[in-house]
C-alpha atoms as a PDB file:
ATOM      1  CA  MET A   1       2.381  19.023 -27.333  1.00  0.00           C
ATOM      2  CA  HIS A   2       1.209  16.454 -24.332  1.00  0.00           C
ATOM      3  CA  ARG A   3       3.236  13.351 -24.170  1.00  0.00           C
ATOM      4  CA  VAL A   4       0.914  10.529 -24.369  1.00  0.00           C
ATOM      5  CA  GLY A   5       1.803   7.125 -23.917  1.00  0.00           C
ATOM      6  CA  LYS A   6      -0.596   3.660 -24.685  1.00  0.00           C
ATOM      7  CA  ILE A   7      -0.125   0.426 -22.813  1.00  0.00           C
ATOM      8  CA  LEU A   8      -2.034  -2.253 -24.234  1.00  0.00           C
ATOM      9  CA  GLY A   9      -1.879  -6.210 -24.500  1.00  0.00           C
ATOM     10  CA  VAL A  10       0.014  -6.699 -21.101  1.00  0.00           C
ATOM     11  CA  LEU A  11      -0.181 -10.088 -20.408  1.00  0.00           C
ATOM     12  CA  GLY A  12       0.601 -12.102 -16.932  1.00  0.00           C
ATOM     13  CA  ILE A  13       0.424 -15.658 -16.759  1.00  0.00           C
ATOM     14  CA  MET A  14       1.870 -16.177 -12.835  1.00  0.00           C
ATOM     15  CA  VAL A  15       2.893 -19.344 -11.494  1.00  0.00           C
ATOM     16  CA  GLY A  16       0.795 -19.945  -8.141  1.00  0.00           C
ATOM     17  CA  LEU A  17      -0.295 -16.368  -7.226  1.00  0.00           C
ATOM     18  CA  VAL A  18      -1.835 -13.273  -8.829  1.00  0.00           C
ATOM     19  CA  THR A  19      -0.193 -10.158  -8.843  1.00  0.00           C
ATOM     20  CA  THR A  20      -0.878  -6.359  -8.456  1.00  0.00           C
ATOM     21  CA  THR A  21      -0.418  -3.265 -10.876  1.00  0.00           C
ATOM     22  CA  PRO A  22       1.397  -0.192  -9.402  1.00  0.00           C
ATOM     23  CA  VAL A  23       0.775   2.713 -11.457  1.00  0.00           C
ATOM     24  CA  VAL A  24       4.323   5.294 -10.424  1.00  0.00           C
ATOM     25  CA  ALA A  25       2.534   8.744  -9.715  1.00  0.00           C
ATOM     26  CA  GLN A  26       5.254  11.940 -10.402  1.00  0.00           C
ATOM     27  CA  ASP A  27       6.311  11.901  -6.600  1.00  0.00           C
ATOM     28  CA  GLY A  28       7.454   8.615  -7.351  1.00  0.00           C
ATOM     29  CA  THR A  29       4.127   7.451  -4.895  1.00  0.00           C
ATOM     30  CA  LYS A  30       3.180   3.601  -6.061  1.00  0.00           C
ATOM     31  CA  HIS A  31      -0.991   3.742  -6.210  1.00  0.00           C
ATOM     32  CA  VAL A  32      -2.039   0.255  -6.639  1.00  0.00           C
ATOM     33  CA  ILE A  33      -5.583   0.504  -8.181  1.00  0.00           C
ATOM     34  CA  PHE A  34      -6.220  -2.771  -7.091  1.00  0.00           C
ATOM     35  CA  LYS A  35      -5.412  -5.685  -4.817  1.00  0.00           C
ATOM     36  CA  SER A  36      -5.758  -9.054  -6.502  1.00  0.00           C
ATOM     37  CA  ASP A  37      -6.171 -11.811  -4.567  1.00  0.00           C
ATOM     38  CA  ILE A  38      -3.750 -14.142  -3.322  1.00  0.00           C
ATOM     39  CA  VAL A  39      -3.609 -17.861  -4.284  1.00  0.00           C
ATOM     40  CA  GLN A  40      -1.817 -20.188  -2.383  1.00  0.00           C
ATOM     41  CA  SER A  41       1.013 -22.415  -4.573  1.00  0.00           C
ATOM     42  CA  ILE A  42      -0.249 -25.502  -3.963  1.00  0.00           C
ATOM     43  CA  SER A  43       3.499 -27.334  -4.355  1.00  0.00           C
ATOM     44  CA  ALA A  44       4.217 -25.382  -0.999  1.00  0.00           C
ATOM     45  CA  PRO A  45       4.857 -26.682   2.217  1.00  0.00           C
ATOM     46  CA  GLU A  46       1.740 -26.816   4.216  1.00  0.00           C
ATOM     47  CA  ARG A  47       2.561 -23.567   6.040  1.00  0.00           C
ATOM     48  CA  TRP A  48       4.443 -21.521   3.087  1.00  0.00           C
ATOM     49  CA  THR A  49       2.287 -18.641   1.293  1.00  0.00           C
ATOM     50  CA  GLN A  50       3.727 -16.811  -1.469  1.00  0.00           C
ATOM     51  CA  GLU A  51       1.997 -13.769  -2.989  1.00  0.00           C
ATOM     52  CA  ASP A  52       3.870 -11.002  -5.237  1.00  0.00           C
ATOM     53  CA  ARG A  53       8.026 -11.105  -3.979  1.00  0.00           C
ATOM     54  CA  THR A  54       7.758 -12.287  -0.035  1.00  0.00           C
ATOM     55  CA  TRP A  55       7.725 -15.782   0.903  1.00  0.00           C
ATOM     56  CA  ARG A  56       5.790 -16.484   4.450  1.00  0.00           C
ATOM     57  CA  TYR A  57       6.129 -19.209   6.718  1.00  0.00           C
ATOM     58  CA  GLN A  58       3.390 -19.079   9.259  1.00  0.00           C
ATOM     59  CA  THR A  59       4.399 -21.012  12.563  1.00  0.00           C
ATOM     60  CA  LYS A  60       1.803 -23.197  14.928  1.00  0.00           C
ATOM     61  CA  SER A  61       1.959 -19.990  16.913  1.00  0.00           C
ATOM     62  CA  GLN A  62       1.624 -16.635  15.705  1.00  0.00           C
ATOM     63  CA  THR A  63       4.770 -16.068  14.741  1.00  0.00           C
ATOM     64  CA  ARG A  64       5.526 -15.672  10.456  1.00  0.00           C
ATOM     65  CA  LEU A  65       9.157 -15.942   9.291  1.00  0.00           C
ATOM     66  CA  LEU A  66       9.146 -13.477   6.163  1.00  0.00           C
ATOM     67  CA  LEU A  67      10.961 -13.686   3.199  1.00  0.00           C
ATOM     68  CA  GLY A  68      11.632 -11.084   0.286  1.00  0.00           C
ATOM     69  CA  ASN A  69       9.491  -8.030  -0.184  1.00  0.00           C
ATOM     70  CA  THR A  70       7.639  -7.016   2.947  1.00  0.00           C
ATOM     71  CA  THR A  71       5.484  -3.708   3.485  1.00  0.00           C
ATOM     72  CA  PRO A  72       3.483  -3.913   6.680  1.00  0.00           C
ATOM     73  CA  GLN A  73      -0.249  -3.233   6.477  1.00  0.00           C
ATOM     74  CA  LEU A  74      -0.876  -1.333   9.849  1.00  0.00           C
ATOM     75  CA  SER A  75      -4.718  -0.266  10.494  1.00  0.00           C
ATOM     76  CA  SER A  76      -3.979   3.377  10.625  1.00  0.00           C
ATOM     77  CA  GLY A  77      -3.130   2.996   6.653  1.00  0.00           C
ATOM     78  CA  LEU A  78       0.456   4.711   7.550  1.00  0.00           C
ATOM     79  CA  ARG A  79       2.373   4.553   4.269  1.00  0.00           C
ATOM     80  CA  MET A  80       5.828   2.142   3.953  1.00  0.00           C
ATOM     81  CA  SER A  81       7.891   1.671   1.358  1.00  0.00           C
ATOM     82  CA  SER A  82       8.841  -1.891   0.248  1.00  0.00           C
ATOM     83  CA  ILE A  83      12.040  -3.507   2.234  1.00  0.00           C
ATOM     84  CA  GLY A  84      13.868  -6.910   0.474  1.00  0.00           C
ATOM     85  CA  GLY A  85      15.024  -9.151   3.054  1.00  0.00           C
ATOM     86  CA  VAL A  86      14.623 -10.945   6.221  1.00  0.00           C
ATOM     87  CA  GLY A  87      11.236 -10.123   9.040  1.00  0.00           C
ATOM     88  CA  LEU A  88       9.598 -11.592  11.479  1.00  0.00           C
ATOM     89  CA  ALA A  89       6.056 -10.771  12.334  1.00  0.00           C
ATOM     90  CA  ASP A  90       3.764 -11.756  15.633  1.00  0.00           C
ATOM     91  CA  GLN A  91       0.438 -11.389  17.307  1.00  0.00           C
ATOM     92  CA  TRP A  92      -0.972 -11.980  21.038  1.00  0.00           C
ATOM     93  CA  GLN A  93      -3.738 -10.807  22.860  1.00  0.00           C
ATOM     94  CA  SER A  94      -3.658  -9.376  26.597  1.00  0.00           C
ATOM     95  CA  ASP A  95      -6.100  -8.477  29.004  1.00  0.00           C
ATOM     96  CA  LEU A  96      -5.193  -4.936  31.142  1.00  0.00           C
ATOM     97  CA  PHE A  97      -8.226  -3.356  33.085  1.00  0.00           C
ATOM     98  CA  SER A  98     -10.837  -5.451  32.140  1.00  0.00           C
ATOM     99  CA  LYS A  99     -10.048  -4.959  28.543  1.00  0.00           C
ATOM    100  CA  THR A 100      -8.916  -7.487  26.189  1.00  0.00           C
ATOM    101  CA  LEU A 101      -5.714  -6.073  23.794  1.00  0.00           C
ATOM    102  CA  GLN A 102      -4.556  -7.497  20.338  1.00  0.00           C
ATOM    103  CA  TRP A 103      -1.081  -6.729  19.591  1.00  0.00           C
ATOM    104  CA  ARG A 104       0.431  -7.124  16.660  1.00  0.00           C
ATOM    105  CA  TYR A 105       4.293  -6.327  15.912  1.00  0.00           C
ATOM    106  CA  GLY A 106       7.754  -7.094  13.825  1.00  0.00           C
ATOM    107  CA  ALA A 107      10.279  -6.235  12.308  1.00  0.00           C
ATOM    108  CA  THR A 108      12.666  -6.705   8.906  1.00  0.00           C
ATOM    109  CA  VAL A 109      16.340  -6.195   7.997  1.00  0.00           C
ATOM    110  CA  GLY A 110      17.675  -5.525   4.170  1.00  0.00           C
ATOM    111  CA  LEU A 111      17.464  -3.724   1.449  1.00  0.00           C
ATOM    112  CA  VAL A 112      15.174  -0.666   0.269  1.00  0.00           C
ATOM    113  CA  ASP A 113      13.213  -1.553  -2.829  1.00  0.00           C
ATOM    114  CA  HIS A 114      13.363   1.150  -5.745  1.00  0.00           C
ATOM    115  CA  SER A 115      11.843  -1.348  -8.302  1.00  0.00           C
ATOM    116  CA  GLN A 116       8.717   0.764 -11.064  1.00  0.00           C
ATOM    117  CA  ASP A 117       7.073  -2.194 -11.058  1.00  0.00           C
ATOM    118  CA  LEU A 118       7.281  -6.651  -9.900  1.00  0.00           C
ATOM    119  CA  TYR A 119       9.298  -7.101 -13.323  1.00  0.00           C
ATOM    120  CA  HIS A 120      12.355  -5.654 -12.604  1.00  0.00           C
ATOM    121  CA  PHE A 121      14.589  -5.238  -9.559  1.00  0.00           C
ATOM    122  CA  ARG A 122      16.699  -2.661  -8.287  1.00  0.00           C
ATOM    123  CA  TYR A 123      17.927  -3.260  -4.644  1.00  0.00           C
ATOM    124  CA  ASN A 124      19.930  -0.357  -2.573  1.00  0.00           C
ATOM    125  CA  THR A 125      21.087   1.085   0.407  1.00  0.00           C
ATOM    126  CA  GLY A 126      20.631  -1.203   3.684  1.00  0.00           C
ATOM    127  CA  ALA A 127      17.803  -1.000   5.581  1.00  0.00           C
ATOM    128  CA  ALA A 128      15.725  -1.452   9.101  1.00  0.00           C
ATOM    129  CA  ARG A 129      12.373  -1.323  10.376  1.00  0.00           C
ATOM    130  CA  ALA A 130      10.141  -1.967  13.696  1.00  0.00           C
ATOM    131  CA  TRP A 131       6.215  -1.424  13.776  1.00  0.00           C
ATOM    132  CA  PHE A 132       3.524  -2.037  16.355  1.00  0.00           C
ATOM    133  CA  ASP A 133      -0.335  -2.183  15.924  1.00  0.00           C
ATOM    134  CA  VAL A 134      -2.327  -2.642  19.094  1.00  0.00           C
ATOM    135  CA  SER A 135      -6.223  -2.796  19.009  1.00  0.00           C
ATOM    136  CA  LEU A 136      -7.455  -0.997  22.590  1.00  0.00           C
ATOM    137  CA  SER A 137     -11.380  -1.912  21.819  1.00  0.00           C
ATOM    138  CA  PRO A 138     -13.167  -3.265  18.513  1.00  0.00           C
ATOM    139  CA  GLU A 139     -13.150   0.204  17.909  1.00  0.00           C
ATOM    140  CA  LEU A 140     -10.184   2.080  18.297  1.00  0.00           C
ATOM    141  CA  SER A 141      -6.591   1.101  17.848  1.00  0.00           C
ATOM    142  CA  ILE A 142      -2.821   2.868  17.417  1.00  0.00           C
ATOM    143  CA  ASP A 143      -0.222   2.081  15.309  1.00  0.00           C
ATOM    144  CA  GLY A 144       3.791   3.045  14.554  1.00  0.00           C
ATOM    145  CA  VAL A 145       6.530   2.469  12.900  1.00  0.00           C
ATOM    146  CA  TYR A 146      10.377   3.583  12.838  1.00  0.00           C
ATOM    147  CA  GLN A 147      12.600   3.129   9.806  1.00  0.00           C
ATOM    148  CA  ARG A 148      16.000   3.581   9.308  1.00  0.00           C
ATOM    149  CA  THR A 149      18.820   3.626   6.707  1.00  0.00           C
ATOM    150  CA  ASP A 150      22.338   5.538   6.711  1.00  0.00           C
ATOM    151  CA  ASP A 151      21.847   9.523   7.747  1.00  0.00           C
ATOM    152  CA  TYR A 152      17.969   8.899   7.496  1.00  0.00           C
ATOM    153  CA  GLU A 153      15.531   8.007   9.875  1.00  0.00           C
ATOM    154  CA  GLN A 154      11.433   8.120   9.638  1.00  0.00           C
ATOM    155  CA  LEU A 155       9.034   7.841  13.114  1.00  0.00           C
ATOM    156  CA  GLY A 156       5.212   7.280  12.164  1.00  0.00           C
ATOM    157  CA  LEU A 157       2.170   7.293  14.217  1.00  0.00           C
ATOM    158  CA  GLY A 158      -1.301   6.198  13.438  1.00  0.00           C
ATOM    159  CA  THR A 159      -5.004   5.445  15.091  1.00  0.00           C
ATOM    160  CA  GLN A 160      -7.957   4.380  13.426  1.00  0.00           C
ATOM    161  CA  TYR A 161     -11.830   4.711  14.921  1.00  0.00           C
ATOM    162  CA  ARG A 162     -14.627   2.860  14.066  1.00  0.00           C
ATOM    163  CA  LEU A 163     -17.778   4.872  13.887  1.00  0.00           C
ATOM    164  CA  GLY A 164     -20.526   1.852  13.198  1.00  0.00           C
ATOM    165  CA  MET A 165     -22.192   3.868  10.621  1.00  0.00           C
ATOM    166  CA  PHE A 166     -20.387   7.209  10.229  1.00  0.00           C
ATOM    167  CA  GLY A 167     -17.193   4.158   8.686  1.00  0.00           C
ATOM    168  CA  LYS A 168     -13.784   4.315  10.227  1.00  0.00           C
ATOM    169  CA  TRP A 169     -11.807   7.569  10.698  1.00  0.00           C
ATOM    170  CA  SER A 170      -7.955   7.211  10.545  1.00  0.00           C
ATOM    171  CA  LEU A 171      -5.298   9.909  11.182  1.00  0.00           C
ATOM    172  CA  SER A 172      -1.311   9.553  11.068  1.00  0.00           C
ATOM    173  CA  MET A 173       1.868  11.531  11.087  1.00  0.00           C
ATOM    174  CA  GLN A 174       5.248  10.868   9.864  1.00  0.00           C
ATOM    175  CA  HIS A 175       8.135  12.697  10.438  1.00  0.00           C
ATOM    176  CA  SER A 176      11.501  12.044   8.678  1.00  0.00           C
ATOM    177  CA  ASP A 177      15.028  13.284   9.158  1.00  0.00           C
ATOM    178  CA  ALA A 178      17.510  12.976   6.305  1.00  0.00           C
ATOM    179  CA  GLY A 179      20.092  14.798   7.527  1.00  0.00           C
ATOM    180  CA  ASN A 180      21.415  18.587   6.819  1.00  0.00           C
ATOM    181  CA  GLN A 181      18.585  20.214   7.790  1.00  0.00           C
ATOM    182  CA  VAL A 182      16.365  18.157   5.076  1.00  0.00           C
ATOM    183  CA  LYS A 183      13.671  17.333   7.601  1.00  0.00           C
ATOM    184  CA  GLY A 184       9.359  17.608   7.379  1.00  0.00           C
ATOM    185  CA  GLN A 185       6.575  16.068   8.147  1.00  0.00           C
ATOM    186  CA  ARG A 186       3.557  14.131   6.577  1.00  0.00           C
ATOM    187  CA  TYR A 187       0.158  14.201   7.392  1.00  0.00           C
ATOM    188  CA  GLN A 188      -2.425  11.316   6.075  1.00  0.00           C
ATOM    189  CA  GLY A 189      -6.483  11.156   7.301  1.00  0.00           C
ATOM    190  CA  SER A 190      -9.029   8.901   5.579  1.00  0.00           C
ATOM    191  CA  VAL A 191     -12.878   8.066   5.868  1.00  0.00           C
ATOM    192  CA  ALA A 192     -14.329   4.809   4.657  1.00  0.00           C
ATOM    193  CA  LEU A 193     -17.507   4.525   4.432  1.00  0.00           C
ATOM    194  CA  ASP A 194     -19.960   1.218   3.730  1.00  0.00           C
ATOM    195  CA  ILE A 195     -22.848   2.452   1.548  1.00  0.00           C
ATOM    196  CA  THR A 196     -24.068  -1.270   1.109  1.00  0.00           C
ATOM    197  CA  ASP A 197     -22.719  -4.617   1.808  1.00  0.00           C
ATOM    198  CA  GLN A 198     -21.039  -4.695  -1.906  1.00  0.00           C
ATOM    199  CA  MET A 199     -20.132  -1.055  -2.019  1.00  0.00           C
ATOM    200  CA  GLN A 200     -17.449   1.183  -0.001  1.00  0.00           C
ATOM    201  CA  VAL A 201     -16.404   4.635  -0.601  1.00  0.00           C
ATOM    202  CA  GLN A 202     -13.279   6.218   0.619  1.00  0.00           C
ATOM    203  CA  LEU A 203     -12.588   9.609   1.100  1.00  0.00           C
ATOM    204  CA  LYS A 204      -8.316  11.034   1.750  1.00  0.00           C
ATOM    205  CA  GLY A 205      -6.681  13.781   2.177  1.00  0.00           C
ATOM    206  CA  GLU A 206      -2.742  14.484   2.621  1.00  0.00           C
ATOM    207  CA  HIS A 207      -0.863  17.086   3.746  1.00  0.00           C
ATOM    208  CA  TYR A 208       3.002  17.510   3.657  1.00  0.00           C
ATOM    209  CA  ASN A 209       5.197  20.344   5.554  1.00  0.00           C
ATOM    210  CA  GLY A 210       8.613  21.371   5.450  1.00  0.00           C
ATOM    211  CA  ARG A 211      11.080  18.485   3.364  1.00  0.00           C
ATOM    212  CA  PHE A 212       9.820  15.519   3.328  1.00  0.00           C
ATOM    213  CA  VAL A 213      11.765  12.552   2.598  1.00  0.00           C
ATOM    214  CA  ARG A 214      10.437   8.765   2.037  1.00  0.00           C
ATOM    215  CA  LEU A 215      12.690   5.690   2.574  1.00  0.00           C
ATOM    216  CA  ASN A 216      12.848   4.969  -1.367  1.00  0.00           C
ATOM    217  CA  GLN A 217      12.937   8.682  -2.299  1.00  0.00           C
ATOM    218  CA  ASN A 218      16.105  11.048  -3.098  1.00  0.00           C
ATOM    219  CA  ARG A 219      17.417  12.621  -0.611  1.00  0.00           C
ATOM    220  CA  TYR A 220      18.254  15.841  -2.395  1.00  0.00           C
ATOM    221  CA  SER A 221      14.492  15.735  -4.148  1.00  0.00           C
ATOM    222  CA  PRO A 222      12.100  15.377  -1.238  1.00  0.00           C
ATOM    223  CA  THR A 223       8.439  15.888  -1.692  1.00  0.00           C
ATOM    224  CA  PRO A 224       7.407  19.482  -2.107  1.00  0.00           C
ATOM    225  CA  GLU A 225       4.901  21.090   0.217  1.00  0.00           C
ATOM    226  CA  GLN A 226       1.798  20.574  -1.320  1.00  0.00           C
ATOM    227  CA  GLN A 227      -2.155  18.907  -0.743  1.00  0.00           C
ATOM    228  CA  VAL A 228      -3.198  15.901  -1.425  1.00  0.00           C
ATOM    229  CA  TYR A 229      -7.170  15.056  -1.804  1.00  0.00           C
ATOM    230  CA  GLY A 230      -8.645  11.604  -3.290  1.00  0.00           C
ATOM    231  CA  ALA A 231     -11.919   9.585  -2.924  1.00  0.00           C
ATOM    232  CA  ALA A 232     -12.254   5.725  -4.040  1.00  0.00           C
ATOM    233  CA  LEU A 233     -15.315   3.760  -4.669  1.00  0.00           C
ATOM    234  CA  GLN A 234     -15.191   0.257  -4.688  1.00  0.00           C
ATOM    235  CA  TRP A 235     -18.271  -2.076  -5.650  1.00  0.00           C
ATOM    236  CA  ASP A 236     -18.297  -6.529  -5.532  1.00  0.00           C
ATOM    237  CA  SER A 237     -20.385  -8.121  -7.638  1.00  0.00           C
ATOM    238  CA  ASP A 238     -21.023 -11.779  -7.773  1.00  0.00           C
ATOM    239  CA  HIS A 239     -21.582 -12.134 -11.735  1.00  0.00           C
ATOM    240  CA  TRP A 240     -19.166  -9.089 -12.698  1.00  0.00           C
ATOM    241  CA  GLY A 241     -16.451  -9.101 -10.315  1.00  0.00           C
ATOM    242  CA  ARG A 242     -15.078  -6.189  -8.380  1.00  0.00           C
ATOM    243  CA  PHE A 243     -15.129  -2.468  -9.803  1.00  0.00           C
ATOM    244  CA  GLN A 244     -13.214  -0.071  -8.667  1.00  0.00           C
ATOM    245  CA  ALA A 245     -12.612   3.676  -9.118  1.00  0.00           C
ATOM    246  CA  ARG A 246     -10.322   6.607  -7.624  1.00  0.00           C
ATOM    247  CA  TYR A 247      -9.860  10.165  -8.081  1.00  0.00           C
ATOM    248  CA  ASP A 248      -6.924  12.218  -6.889  1.00  0.00           C
ATOM    249  CA  ASN A 249      -6.269  16.127  -7.217  1.00  0.00           C
ATOM    250  CA  THR A 250      -2.407  17.509  -5.918  1.00  0.00           C
ATOM    251  CA  VAL A 251      -2.073  20.507  -5.336  1.00  0.00           C
ATOM    252  CA  VAL A 252       1.416  21.924  -4.936  1.00  0.00           C
ATOM    253  CA  ASN A 253       2.095  25.407  -3.300  1.00  0.00           C
ATOM    254  CA  ASN A 254       3.105  27.668  -5.545  1.00  0.00           C
ATOM    255  CA  GLY A 255       2.407  25.358  -8.420  1.00  0.00           C
ATOM    256  CA  ASN A 256      -0.326  23.652 -10.630  1.00  0.00           C
ATOM    257  CA  PRO A 257      -2.605  20.974 -10.112  1.00  0.00           C
ATOM    258  CA  GLN A 258      -1.931  17.684 -10.978  1.00  0.00           C
ATOM    259  CA  GLN A 259      -5.640  15.305 -10.943  1.00  0.00           C
ATOM    260  CA  ALA A 260      -5.476  11.445 -11.811  1.00  0.00           C
ATOM    261  CA  ILE A 261      -8.470   9.033 -12.569  1.00  0.00           C
ATOM    262  CA  GLY A 262      -8.212   5.563 -12.254  1.00  0.00           C
ATOM    263  CA  LEU A 263     -10.555   2.230 -13.037  1.00  0.00           C
ATOM    264  CA  ALA A 264      -9.907  -0.974 -12.652  1.00  0.00           C
ATOM    265  CA  GLN A 265     -12.136  -3.990 -13.180  1.00  0.00           C
ATOM    266  CA  GLN A 266     -11.687  -7.801 -12.051  1.00  0.00           C
ATOM    267  CA  LEU A 267     -13.580 -10.929 -12.829  1.00  0.00           C
ATOM    268  CA  TRP A 268     -12.860 -14.541 -12.451  1.00  0.00           C
ATOM    269  CA  TYR A 269     -13.599 -15.741 -16.448  1.00  0.00           C
ATOM    270  CA  SER A 270     -13.586 -19.369 -15.095  1.00  0.00           C
ATOM    271  CA  SER A 271     -12.460 -21.349 -11.616  1.00  0.00           C
ATOM    272  CA  SER A 272      -8.977 -20.605 -12.240  1.00  0.00           C
ATOM    273  CA  ILE A 273      -8.619 -17.872 -15.091  1.00  0.00           C
ATOM    274  CA  ARG A 274      -8.884 -14.663 -13.639  1.00  0.00           C
ATOM    275  CA  VAL A 275      -8.949 -11.041 -16.371  1.00  0.00           C
ATOM    276  CA  ASP A 276      -8.097  -7.730 -15.119  1.00  0.00           C
ATOM    277  CA  LEU A 277      -8.824  -4.679 -16.575  1.00  0.00           C
ATOM    278  CA  ASP A 278      -7.267  -0.924 -15.680  1.00  0.00           C
ATOM    279  CA  ALA A 279      -6.826   2.022 -16.909  1.00  0.00           C
ATOM    280  CA  GLN A 280      -5.740   5.448 -15.520  1.00  0.00           C
ATOM    281  CA  ARG A 281      -5.566   9.191 -16.907  1.00  0.00           C
ATOM    282  CA  GLN A 282      -3.755  12.411 -15.897  1.00  0.00           C
ATOM    283  CA  THR A 283      -5.906  15.134 -17.093  1.00  0.00           C
ATOM    284  CA  HIS A 284      -3.204  17.839 -15.976  1.00  0.00           C
ATOM    285  CA  THR A 285      -0.710  16.231 -19.347  1.00  0.00           C
ATOM    286  CA  GLY A 286      -2.962  14.166 -21.036  1.00  0.00           C
ATOM    287  CA  ASP A 287      -0.949  11.105 -20.843  1.00  0.00           C
ATOM    288  CA  TYR A 288      -2.806   8.021 -19.784  1.00  0.00           C
ATOM    289  CA  ASN A 289      -2.329   3.726 -19.694  1.00  0.00           C
ATOM    290  CA  VAL A 290      -4.497   0.644 -20.014  1.00  0.00           C
ATOM    291  CA  GLY A 291      -3.563  -2.545 -19.222  1.00  0.00           C
ATOM    292  CA  LEU A 292      -4.989  -6.446 -19.731  1.00  0.00           C
ATOM    293  CA  ARG A 293      -3.743  -9.059 -17.789  1.00  0.00           C
ATOM    294  CA  PHE A 294      -4.713 -12.795 -17.689  1.00  0.00           C
ATOM    295  CA  SER A 295      -3.736 -14.611 -14.447  1.00  0.00           C
ATOM    296  CA  LEU A 296      -3.637 -18.474 -13.307  1.00  0.00           C
ATOM    297  CA  PRO A 297      -2.777 -20.737 -11.706  1.00  0.00           C
ATOM    298  CA  LEU A 298      -0.137 -23.960 -13.199  1.00  0.00           C
ATOM    299  CA  PHE A 299       0.136 -26.204  -9.738  1.00  0.00           C
END
């Protein structure tokens, strides 16, 4: 008999911010069905902002001090695990060969976050990360990341190219080395298309080779060799809010396919109350969950 889990009536009233709803897949990867907008805490100092588990201090220049969980968002979509600690980020422009380059870079030192959701804390294993993201032109950008813990290191490189009406094309590669011949690679590619001003479609693909290990993954349980294909649709409506749908299909070598479908709807019930509804179903097991959340600032 398939195991069916029901999660109904999840109510969260957040102080000064709106959170996200991650869904943890069988391989431990967190899929965020939708990303809520940030609501700045009015009671915080002028240059302090807060989101989820992170405090950010923006100086008069482009330098930012980060306290709490940090996961940089790079142009190519390189996926990284969250680190809880202290970080710095900066950006600047430079002229090279008559072209203006825009640089973003940063570093974080702290502990790896093994939490399964936003309401439980589980930090262990000291870690450090450095990253960069540079726009060579309005169409082309490259980025990279280096992460390290005890007996583990990971290097990733990626690029994104904008092809106008043909969308944004992204490619990336990550190599992990966990010692004792536990080495592997993860290749990622995606295409994002703007169908209309309100509707976007994304197609993605991933390939795991060897014994790839994520930063927050057990060294003795690396990701098996597999391929992941997916599609996501997002539609922004002024009246009905934002609707998102996604589909993922995972094909494990010498294993059975695993499929997941997710739907999400978020809208503002009033000027201060946000309503989020999301659902996901694992078609290969029959498991599903449904969540409902109300969020509003209290200050």
